């Protein structure tokens, strides 16, 4: 169990930084990327977002997004065996927030919207209709992911005390 204890601090630090990094990426999308894309004509906005969605699937972003999730999963499980520690509640809540509110929302909400956008023809009337809904729905769920990842980062930072 000494090895798990030795890993706890680096994992907490990695999770705090990872949550903050992901919150920052999502914040950028919520505050200026999506508003900029909304200013474009639907065919150009759709094509740009289709390209973004393809390039987002890269090793660095996937490591940040899912590596943070793995750290959170490990911390959530390990804290169940060390519940008496002062930071246990912060670690569990931060981990669950990130896993459910960031990864869960991404998989359940944002990815299906991305999948629907990926197959639409940018110049079609269906594309324009989908784009209008996409901008509203995707951005709403992105706001959720941003806020949850930020709160998780703060809770991990508190747990590091």
N, C-alpha and C. Protein backbone atom coordinates (compact mmCIF):
# COMPACT_ATOMS: atom_id res chain seq x y z
N UNK A 1 0.82 -1.20 0.00
CA UNK A 1 0.00 0.00 0.00
C UNK A 1 0.87 1.26 0.00
N UNK A 2 2.15 1.11 0.35
CA UNK A 2 3.03 2.27 0.34
C UNK A 2 3.18 2.81 -1.08
N UNK A 3 3.17 1.93 -2.09
CA UNK A 3 3.30 2.37 -3.47
C UNK A 3 2.10 3.21 -3.87
N UNK A 4 0.90 2.80 -3.49
CA UNK A 4 -0.30 3.57 -3.78
C UNK A 4 -0.21 4.94 -3.12
N UNK A 5 0.24 4.98 -1.88
CA UNK A 5 0.38 6.25 -1.19
C UNK A 5 1.40 7.14 -1.90
N UNK A 6 2.51 6.54 -2.37
CA UNK A 6 3.54 7.31 -3.07
C UNK A 6 3.03 7.85 -4.40
N UNK A 7 2.07 7.18 -5.01
CA UNK A 7 1.50 7.62 -6.28
C UNK A 7 0.40 8.65 -6.10
N UNK A 8 -0.16 8.73 -4.92
CA UNK A 8 -1.33 9.59 -4.71
C UNK A 8 -1.03 11.06 -5.02
N UNK A 9 0.04 11.61 -4.47
CA UNK A 9 0.32 13.03 -4.71
C UNK A 9 0.56 13.33 -6.20
N UNK A 10 1.43 12.57 -6.89
CA UNK A 10 1.61 12.86 -8.32
C UNK A 10 0.31 12.70 -9.12
N UNK A 11 -0.51 11.73 -8.77
CA UNK A 11 -1.78 11.56 -9.47
C UNK A 11 -2.74 12.71 -9.18
N UNK A 12 -2.76 13.17 -7.93
CA UNK A 12 -3.60 14.32 -7.59
C UNK A 12 -3.14 15.55 -8.36
N UNK A 13 -1.84 15.75 -8.44
CA UNK A 13 -1.29 16.89 -9.17
C UNK A 13 -1.62 16.78 -10.66
N UNK A 14 -1.42 15.58 -11.21
CA UNK A 14 -1.74 15.35 -12.62
C UNK A 14 -3.22 15.59 -12.87
N UNK A 15 -4.08 15.09 -11.98
CA UNK A 15 -5.53 15.27 -12.14
C UNK A 15 -5.91 16.75 -12.05
N UNK A 16 -5.33 17.47 -11.11
CA UNK A 16 -5.63 18.91 -10.98
C UNK A 16 -5.22 19.66 -12.24
N UNK A 17 -4.01 19.39 -12.72
CA UNK A 17 -3.54 20.06 -13.93
C UNK A 17 -4.36 19.62 -15.14
N UNK A 18 -4.64 18.33 -15.24
CA UNK A 18 -5.43 17.82 -16.36
C UNK A 18 -6.83 18.40 -16.40
N UNK A 19 -7.49 18.46 -15.25
CA UNK A 19 -8.83 19.06 -15.19
C UNK A 19 -8.78 20.53 -15.59
N UNK A 20 -7.76 21.24 -15.10
CA UNK A 20 -7.63 22.65 -15.45
C UNK A 20 -7.34 22.85 -16.93
N UNK A 21 -6.48 22.00 -17.48
CA UNK A 21 -6.16 22.08 -18.91
C UNK A 21 -7.39 21.82 -19.77
N UNK A 22 -8.12 20.78 -19.45
CA UNK A 22 -9.33 20.45 -20.21
C UNK A 22 -10.38 21.54 -20.03
N UNK A 23 -10.53 22.06 -18.83
CA UNK A 23 -11.47 23.18 -18.62
C UNK A 23 -11.08 24.35 -19.50
N UNK A 24 -9.78 24.61 -19.62
CA UNK A 24 -9.31 25.71 -20.46
C UNK A 24 -9.62 25.50 -21.94
N UNK A 25 -9.42 24.29 -22.42
CA UNK A 25 -9.75 23.99 -23.82
C UNK A 25 -11.24 24.20 -24.05
N UNK A 26 -12.06 23.64 -23.17
CA UNK A 26 -13.51 23.78 -23.33
C UNK A 26 -13.95 25.23 -23.16
N UNK A 27 -13.30 25.96 -22.25
CA UNK A 27 -13.60 27.38 -22.06
C UNK A 27 -13.35 28.16 -23.35
N UNK A 28 -12.24 27.85 -24.01
CA UNK A 28 -11.92 28.52 -25.27
C UNK A 28 -13.02 28.27 -26.30
N UNK A 29 -13.49 27.04 -26.38
CA UNK A 29 -14.56 26.75 -27.32
C UNK A 29 -15.84 27.50 -26.96
N UNK A 30 -16.17 27.53 -25.69
CA UNK A 30 -17.40 28.21 -25.27
C UNK A 30 -17.35 29.71 -25.47
N UNK A 31 -16.19 30.31 -25.26
CA UNK A 31 -16.13 31.77 -25.25
C UNK A 31 -15.77 32.40 -26.58
N UNK A 32 -15.01 31.70 -27.45
CA UNK A 32 -14.70 32.35 -28.73
C UNK A 32 -14.70 31.44 -29.94
N UNK A 33 -14.41 30.16 -29.81
CA UNK A 33 -14.42 29.31 -31.01
C UNK A 33 -15.83 29.13 -31.54
N UNK A 34 -16.76 28.70 -30.70
CA UNK A 34 -18.13 28.49 -31.18
C UNK A 34 -18.81 29.80 -31.60
N UNK A 35 -18.64 30.90 -30.84
CA UNK A 35 -19.20 32.16 -31.33
C UNK A 35 -18.61 32.58 -32.69
N UNK A 36 -17.33 32.32 -32.90
CA UNK A 36 -16.73 32.66 -34.20
C UNK A 36 -17.31 31.79 -35.30
N UNK A 37 -17.47 30.50 -35.03
CA UNK A 37 -18.05 29.61 -36.03
C UNK A 37 -19.50 29.97 -36.32
N UNK A 38 -20.22 30.45 -35.31
CA UNK A 38 -21.63 30.84 -35.49
C UNK A 38 -21.75 32.06 -36.40
N UNK A 39 -20.70 32.85 -36.51
CA UNK A 39 -20.73 34.04 -37.37
C UNK A 39 -20.56 33.69 -38.84
N UNK A 40 -20.08 32.48 -39.10
CA UNK A 40 -19.88 32.05 -40.48
C UNK A 40 -21.20 31.58 -41.09
N UNK A 41 -21.24 31.56 -42.40
CA UNK A 41 -22.39 30.96 -43.07
C UNK A 41 -22.39 29.47 -42.74
N UNK A 42 -23.57 28.84 -42.62
CA UNK A 42 -23.62 27.43 -42.22
C UNK A 42 -22.66 26.50 -42.96
N UNK A 43 -22.54 26.56 -44.29
CA UNK A 43 -21.61 25.62 -44.93
C UNK A 43 -20.16 25.79 -44.45
N UNK A 44 -19.73 27.03 -44.24
CA UNK A 44 -18.36 27.26 -43.77
C UNK A 44 -18.21 26.85 -42.30
N UNK A 45 -19.20 27.17 -41.49
CA UNK A 45 -19.15 26.77 -40.08
C UNK A 45 -19.13 25.27 -39.92
N UNK A 46 -19.99 24.59 -40.68
CA UNK A 46 -20.04 23.12 -40.63
C UNK A 46 -18.70 22.54 -41.05
N UNK A 47 -18.17 23.00 -42.17
CA UNK A 47 -16.89 22.47 -42.66
C UNK A 47 -15.78 22.71 -41.66
N UNK A 48 -15.76 23.88 -41.05
CA UNK A 48 -14.72 24.19 -40.05
C UNK A 48 -14.85 23.27 -38.84
N UNK A 49 -16.07 23.08 -38.34
CA UNK A 49 -16.25 22.22 -37.17
C UNK A 49 -15.97 20.77 -37.50
N UNK A 50 -16.34 20.33 -38.70
CA UNK A 50 -15.99 18.97 -39.11
C UNK A 50 -14.48 18.78 -39.07
N UNK A 51 -13.75 19.76 -39.53
CA UNK A 51 -12.29 19.68 -39.53
C UNK A 51 -11.74 19.69 -38.10
N UNK A 52 -12.30 20.54 -37.25
CA UNK A 52 -11.88 20.59 -35.84
C UNK A 52 -12.12 19.24 -35.18
N UNK A 53 -13.28 18.65 -35.42
CA UNK A 53 -13.60 17.37 -34.79
C UNK A 53 -12.66 16.26 -35.23
N UNK A 54 -12.17 16.32 -36.45
CA UNK A 54 -11.21 15.32 -36.92
C UNK A 54 -9.85 15.56 -36.26
N UNK A 55 -9.41 16.81 -36.24
CA UNK A 55 -8.08 17.09 -35.70
C UNK A 55 -8.03 17.00 -34.17
N UNK A 56 -9.19 17.06 -33.52
CA UNK A 56 -9.21 16.93 -32.05
C UNK A 56 -8.83 15.52 -31.61
N UNK A 57 -9.01 14.57 -32.49
CA UNK A 57 -8.66 13.18 -32.16
C UNK A 57 -7.18 13.00 -32.46
N UNK A 58 -6.38 13.44 -31.50
CA UNK A 58 -4.93 13.34 -31.62
C UNK A 58 -4.35 12.90 -30.28
N UNK A 59 -3.15 12.33 -30.28
CA UNK A 59 -2.61 11.77 -29.03
C UNK A 59 -2.52 12.76 -27.88
N UNK A 60 -2.10 13.97 -28.11
CA UNK A 60 -1.94 14.92 -26.99
C UNK A 60 -3.27 15.25 -26.33
N UNK A 61 -4.28 15.55 -27.13
CA UNK A 61 -5.57 15.87 -26.54
C UNK A 61 -6.19 14.65 -25.88
N UNK A 62 -6.06 13.49 -26.51
CA UNK A 62 -6.63 12.26 -25.93
C UNK A 62 -5.95 11.90 -24.61
N UNK A 63 -4.64 12.10 -24.54
CA UNK A 63 -3.93 11.85 -23.27
C UNK A 63 -4.41 12.81 -22.20
N UNK A 64 -4.56 14.08 -22.55
CA UNK A 64 -5.04 15.05 -21.57
C UNK A 64 -6.45 14.70 -21.11
N UNK A 65 -7.35 14.41 -22.04
CA UNK A 65 -8.75 14.13 -21.71
C UNK A 65 -8.90 12.81 -20.96
N UNK A 66 -8.38 11.72 -21.55
CA UNK A 66 -8.60 10.40 -20.98
C UNK A 66 -7.54 9.99 -19.97
N UNK A 67 -6.33 10.57 -20.06
CA UNK A 67 -5.33 10.33 -19.01
C UNK A 67 -5.80 10.92 -17.69
N UNK A 68 -6.41 12.09 -17.77
CA UNK A 68 -7.00 12.70 -16.57
C UNK A 68 -8.11 11.82 -16.02
N UNK A 69 -8.91 11.26 -16.91
CA UNK A 69 -9.99 10.36 -16.48
C UNK A 69 -9.42 9.13 -15.77
N UNK A 70 -8.35 8.57 -16.30
CA UNK A 70 -7.73 7.41 -15.65
C UNK A 70 -7.20 7.77 -14.27
N UNK A 71 -6.58 8.92 -14.15
CA UNK A 71 -6.09 9.37 -12.84
C UNK A 71 -7.27 9.54 -11.88
N UNK A 72 -8.36 10.12 -12.37
CA UNK A 72 -9.55 10.30 -11.54
C UNK A 72 -10.13 8.96 -11.10
N UNK A 73 -10.19 8.02 -12.02
CA UNK A 73 -10.72 6.70 -11.69
C UNK A 73 -9.86 6.03 -10.61
N UNK A 74 -8.55 6.08 -10.78
CA UNK A 74 -7.65 5.50 -9.80
C UNK A 74 -7.81 6.19 -8.44
N UNK A 75 -7.87 7.51 -8.45
CA UNK A 75 -8.02 8.24 -7.18
C UNK A 75 -9.35 7.95 -6.51
N UNK A 76 -10.42 7.87 -7.29
CA UNK A 76 -11.75 7.57 -6.72
C UNK A 76 -11.76 6.20 -6.06
N UNK A 77 -11.17 5.22 -6.71
CA UNK A 77 -11.14 3.87 -6.13
C UNK A 77 -10.22 3.84 -4.91
N UNK A 78 -9.05 4.46 -5.02
CA UNK A 78 -8.10 4.40 -3.91
C UNK A 78 -8.61 5.12 -2.67
N UNK A 79 -9.38 6.19 -2.86
CA UNK A 79 -9.87 6.94 -1.71
C UNK A 79 -10.89 6.12 -0.91
N UNK A 80 -11.54 5.18 -1.56
CA UNK A 80 -12.50 4.33 -0.84
C UNK A 80 -11.80 3.47 0.22
N UNK A 81 -10.51 3.21 0.01
CA UNK A 81 -9.73 2.44 0.98
C UNK A 81 -9.06 3.31 2.02
N UNK A 82 -9.07 4.62 1.81
CA UNK A 82 -8.45 5.58 2.74
C UNK A 82 -9.45 6.69 3.06
N UNK A 83 -10.68 6.32 3.34
CA UNK A 83 -11.75 7.28 3.52
C UNK A 83 -11.50 8.24 4.69
N UNK A 84 -10.72 7.82 5.68
CA UNK A 84 -10.47 8.64 6.86
C UNK A 84 -9.54 9.81 6.59
N UNK A 85 -8.87 9.84 5.44
CA UNK A 85 -7.97 10.95 5.14
C UNK A 85 -8.76 12.23 4.93
N UNK A 86 -8.13 13.34 5.32
CA UNK A 86 -8.84 14.62 5.29
C UNK A 86 -9.28 15.04 3.89
N UNK A 87 -8.53 14.69 2.88
CA UNK A 87 -8.86 15.12 1.52
C UNK A 87 -9.77 14.13 0.79
N UNK A 88 -10.22 13.09 1.45
CA UNK A 88 -10.96 12.02 0.78
C UNK A 88 -12.21 12.53 0.07
N UNK A 89 -12.98 13.36 0.73
CA UNK A 89 -14.22 13.86 0.12
C UNK A 89 -13.90 14.69 -1.12
N UNK A 90 -12.90 15.56 -1.02
CA UNK A 90 -12.51 16.38 -2.17
C UNK A 90 -12.08 15.51 -3.35
N UNK A 91 -11.28 14.50 -3.05
CA UNK A 91 -10.79 13.61 -4.12
C UNK A 91 -11.93 12.85 -4.78
N UNK A 92 -12.83 12.33 -3.97
CA UNK A 92 -13.94 11.56 -4.53
C UNK A 92 -14.87 12.44 -5.35
N UNK A 93 -15.24 13.58 -4.81
CA UNK A 93 -16.16 14.48 -5.53
C UNK A 93 -15.50 15.00 -6.81
N UNK A 94 -14.25 15.41 -6.74
CA UNK A 94 -13.54 15.91 -7.92
C UNK A 94 -13.46 14.82 -8.99
N UNK A 95 -13.11 13.63 -8.58
CA UNK A 95 -13.00 12.51 -9.53
C UNK A 95 -14.33 12.21 -10.19
N UNK A 96 -15.37 12.11 -9.38
CA UNK A 96 -16.70 11.79 -9.94
C UNK A 96 -17.22 12.91 -10.83
N UNK A 97 -16.97 14.15 -10.43
CA UNK A 97 -17.38 15.27 -11.28
C UNK A 97 -16.73 15.17 -12.66
N UNK A 98 -15.43 14.96 -12.68
CA UNK A 98 -14.73 14.88 -13.96
C UNK A 98 -15.22 13.68 -14.77
N UNK A 99 -15.32 12.52 -14.13
CA UNK A 99 -15.73 11.31 -14.85
C UNK A 99 -17.14 11.41 -15.40
N UNK A 100 -18.06 11.93 -14.60
CA UNK A 100 -19.46 12.01 -15.04
C UNK A 100 -19.71 13.28 -15.86
N UNK A 101 -19.28 14.41 -15.31
CA UNK A 101 -19.63 15.69 -15.90
C UNK A 101 -18.78 16.12 -17.07
N UNK A 102 -17.61 15.53 -17.21
CA UNK A 102 -16.75 15.87 -18.35
C UNK A 102 -16.72 14.71 -19.34
N UNK A 103 -16.27 13.55 -18.89
CA UNK A 103 -16.18 12.39 -19.79
C UNK A 103 -17.57 11.88 -20.15
N UNK A 104 -18.43 11.74 -19.15
CA UNK A 104 -19.79 11.25 -19.41
C UNK A 104 -20.57 12.16 -20.35
N UNK A 105 -20.50 13.46 -20.11
CA UNK A 105 -21.20 14.42 -20.97
C UNK A 105 -20.60 14.41 -22.37
N UNK A 106 -19.28 14.31 -22.46
CA UNK A 106 -18.63 14.24 -23.78
C UNK A 106 -19.16 13.05 -24.57
N UNK A 107 -19.17 11.88 -23.94
CA UNK A 107 -19.60 10.65 -24.63
C UNK A 107 -21.09 10.66 -24.92
N UNK A 108 -21.90 11.10 -23.97
CA UNK A 108 -23.36 11.03 -24.13
C UNK A 108 -23.96 12.17 -24.93
N UNK A 109 -23.31 13.32 -24.93
CA UNK A 109 -23.92 14.52 -25.55
C UNK A 109 -23.11 15.08 -26.71
N UNK A 110 -21.85 15.43 -26.47
CA UNK A 110 -21.08 16.11 -27.51
C UNK A 110 -20.68 15.19 -28.66
N UNK A 111 -20.25 13.97 -28.35
CA UNK A 111 -19.83 13.06 -29.42
C UNK A 111 -20.99 12.70 -30.36
N UNK A 112 -22.18 12.38 -29.86
CA UNK A 112 -23.28 12.12 -30.81
C UNK A 112 -23.60 13.32 -31.70
N UNK A 113 -23.51 14.53 -31.15
CA UNK A 113 -23.71 15.72 -31.97
C UNK A 113 -22.61 15.83 -33.03
N UNK A 114 -21.37 15.54 -32.64
CA UNK A 114 -20.26 15.56 -33.60
C UNK A 114 -20.46 14.50 -34.68
N UNK A 115 -20.92 13.33 -34.27
CA UNK A 115 -21.15 12.25 -35.25
C UNK A 115 -22.22 12.65 -36.26
N UNK A 116 -23.28 13.28 -35.79
CA UNK A 116 -24.34 13.73 -36.71
C UNK A 116 -23.81 14.79 -37.66
N UNK A 117 -22.99 15.70 -37.14
CA UNK A 117 -22.43 16.76 -37.98
C UNK A 117 -21.44 16.19 -39.01
N UNK A 118 -20.74 15.13 -38.64
CA UNK A 118 -19.72 14.54 -39.52
C UNK A 118 -20.31 14.02 -40.83
N UNK A 119 -21.57 13.58 -40.81
CA UNK A 119 -22.14 12.96 -42.01
C UNK A 119 -23.03 13.89 -42.82
N UNK A 120 -23.26 15.09 -42.33
CA UNK A 120 -24.11 16.03 -43.06
C UNK A 120 -23.29 16.73 -44.15
N UNK A 121 -23.92 17.01 -45.25
CA UNK A 121 -23.27 17.78 -46.32
C UNK A 121 -23.41 19.27 -45.98
N UNK A 122 -22.27 19.97 -45.87
CA UNK A 122 -22.31 21.37 -45.44
C UNK A 122 -23.24 22.27 -46.26
N UNK A 123 -23.37 22.01 -47.56
CA UNK A 123 -24.17 22.88 -48.43
C UNK A 123 -25.66 22.54 -48.44
N UNK A 124 -26.07 21.47 -47.75
CA UNK A 124 -27.46 21.01 -47.83
C UNK A 124 -28.37 21.78 -46.87
N UNK A 125 -29.68 21.81 -47.18
CA UNK A 125 -30.64 22.42 -46.24
C UNK A 125 -30.66 21.68 -44.90
N UNK A 126 -30.48 20.36 -44.95
CA UNK A 126 -30.41 19.58 -43.70
C UNK A 126 -29.21 20.03 -42.87
N UNK A 127 -28.12 20.33 -43.57
CA UNK A 127 -26.93 20.80 -42.88
C UNK A 127 -27.17 22.11 -42.16
N UNK A 128 -27.85 23.04 -42.82
CA UNK A 128 -28.15 24.34 -42.19
C UNK A 128 -29.04 24.17 -40.97
N UNK A 129 -30.04 23.29 -41.07
CA UNK A 129 -30.94 23.03 -39.94
C UNK A 129 -30.19 22.38 -38.78
N UNK A 130 -29.37 21.38 -39.12
CA UNK A 130 -28.59 20.71 -38.09
C UNK A 130 -27.62 21.68 -37.43
N UNK A 131 -26.99 22.52 -38.23
CA UNK A 131 -26.00 23.48 -37.71
C UNK A 131 -26.62 24.41 -36.67
N UNK A 132 -27.82 24.90 -36.93
CA UNK A 132 -28.48 25.79 -35.98
C UNK A 132 -28.71 25.09 -34.64
N UNK A 133 -29.16 23.86 -34.67
CA UNK A 133 -29.36 23.09 -33.43
C UNK A 133 -28.03 22.72 -32.79
N UNK A 134 -27.07 22.36 -33.62
CA UNK A 134 -25.75 21.96 -33.14
C UNK A 134 -25.10 23.08 -32.34
N UNK A 135 -25.13 24.28 -32.89
CA UNK A 135 -24.50 25.42 -32.21
C UNK A 135 -25.07 25.60 -30.81
N UNK A 136 -26.38 25.50 -30.68
CA UNK A 136 -27.03 25.68 -29.37
C UNK A 136 -26.76 24.50 -28.45
N UNK A 137 -27.03 23.29 -28.94
CA UNK A 137 -26.93 22.10 -28.09
C UNK A 137 -25.48 21.78 -27.72
N UNK A 138 -24.58 21.77 -28.69
CA UNK A 138 -23.19 21.42 -28.43
C UNK A 138 -22.57 22.43 -27.46
N UNK A 139 -22.87 23.69 -27.68
CA UNK A 139 -22.28 24.73 -26.83
C UNK A 139 -22.83 24.64 -25.40
N UNK A 140 -24.12 24.35 -25.26
CA UNK A 140 -24.68 24.17 -23.91
C UNK A 140 -23.92 23.07 -23.17
N UNK A 141 -23.78 21.90 -23.80
CA UNK A 141 -23.09 20.78 -23.14
C UNK A 141 -21.62 21.10 -22.93
N UNK A 142 -21.04 21.90 -23.81
CA UNK A 142 -19.66 22.30 -23.60
C UNK A 142 -19.53 23.22 -22.39
N UNK A 143 -20.51 24.10 -22.18
CA UNK A 143 -20.50 24.94 -20.97
C UNK A 143 -20.52 24.04 -19.73
N UNK A 144 -21.34 23.00 -19.75
CA UNK A 144 -21.42 22.07 -18.63
C UNK A 144 -20.05 21.43 -18.39
N UNK A 145 -19.44 20.92 -19.47
CA UNK A 145 -18.12 20.28 -19.33
C UNK A 145 -17.08 21.26 -18.79
N UNK A 146 -17.13 22.49 -19.26
CA UNK A 146 -16.18 23.51 -18.81
C UNK A 146 -16.30 23.74 -17.31
N UNK A 147 -17.52 24.00 -16.88
CA UNK A 147 -17.76 24.29 -15.47
C UNK A 147 -17.38 23.11 -14.58
N UNK A 148 -17.78 21.92 -14.97
CA UNK A 148 -17.50 20.73 -14.15
C UNK A 148 -16.00 20.46 -14.07
N UNK A 149 -15.30 20.55 -15.20
CA UNK A 149 -13.85 20.33 -15.18
C UNK A 149 -13.14 21.38 -14.32
N UNK A 150 -13.62 22.62 -14.38
CA UNK A 150 -13.03 23.68 -13.55
C UNK A 150 -13.26 23.42 -12.07
N UNK A 151 -14.47 23.05 -11.71
CA UNK A 151 -14.77 22.74 -10.30
C UNK A 151 -13.93 21.56 -9.83
N UNK A 152 -13.79 20.54 -10.68
CA UNK A 152 -12.96 19.39 -10.31
C UNK A 152 -11.51 19.83 -10.10
N UNK A 153 -10.99 20.70 -10.96
CA UNK A 153 -9.61 21.20 -10.80
C UNK A 153 -9.45 21.91 -9.46
N UNK A 154 -10.42 22.74 -9.11
CA UNK A 154 -10.36 23.46 -7.83
C UNK A 154 -10.38 22.48 -6.66
N UNK A 155 -11.26 21.49 -6.72
CA UNK A 155 -11.34 20.51 -5.64
C UNK A 155 -10.04 19.69 -5.52
N UNK A 156 -9.45 19.33 -6.65
CA UNK A 156 -8.15 18.65 -6.58
C UNK A 156 -7.09 19.56 -5.98
N UNK A 157 -7.10 20.82 -6.33
CA UNK A 157 -6.14 21.76 -5.78
C UNK A 157 -6.31 21.88 -4.25
N UNK A 158 -7.55 21.93 -3.81
CA UNK A 158 -7.81 21.96 -2.36
C UNK A 158 -7.29 20.70 -1.70
N UNK A 159 -7.48 19.55 -2.35
CA UNK A 159 -7.03 18.28 -1.78
C UNK A 159 -5.51 18.20 -1.69
N UNK A 160 -4.83 18.96 -2.52
CA UNK A 160 -3.36 18.94 -2.50
C UNK A 160 -2.75 19.62 -1.28
N UNK A 161 -3.54 20.40 -0.57
CA UNK A 161 -3.03 21.20 0.55
C UNK A 161 -2.04 20.38 1.31
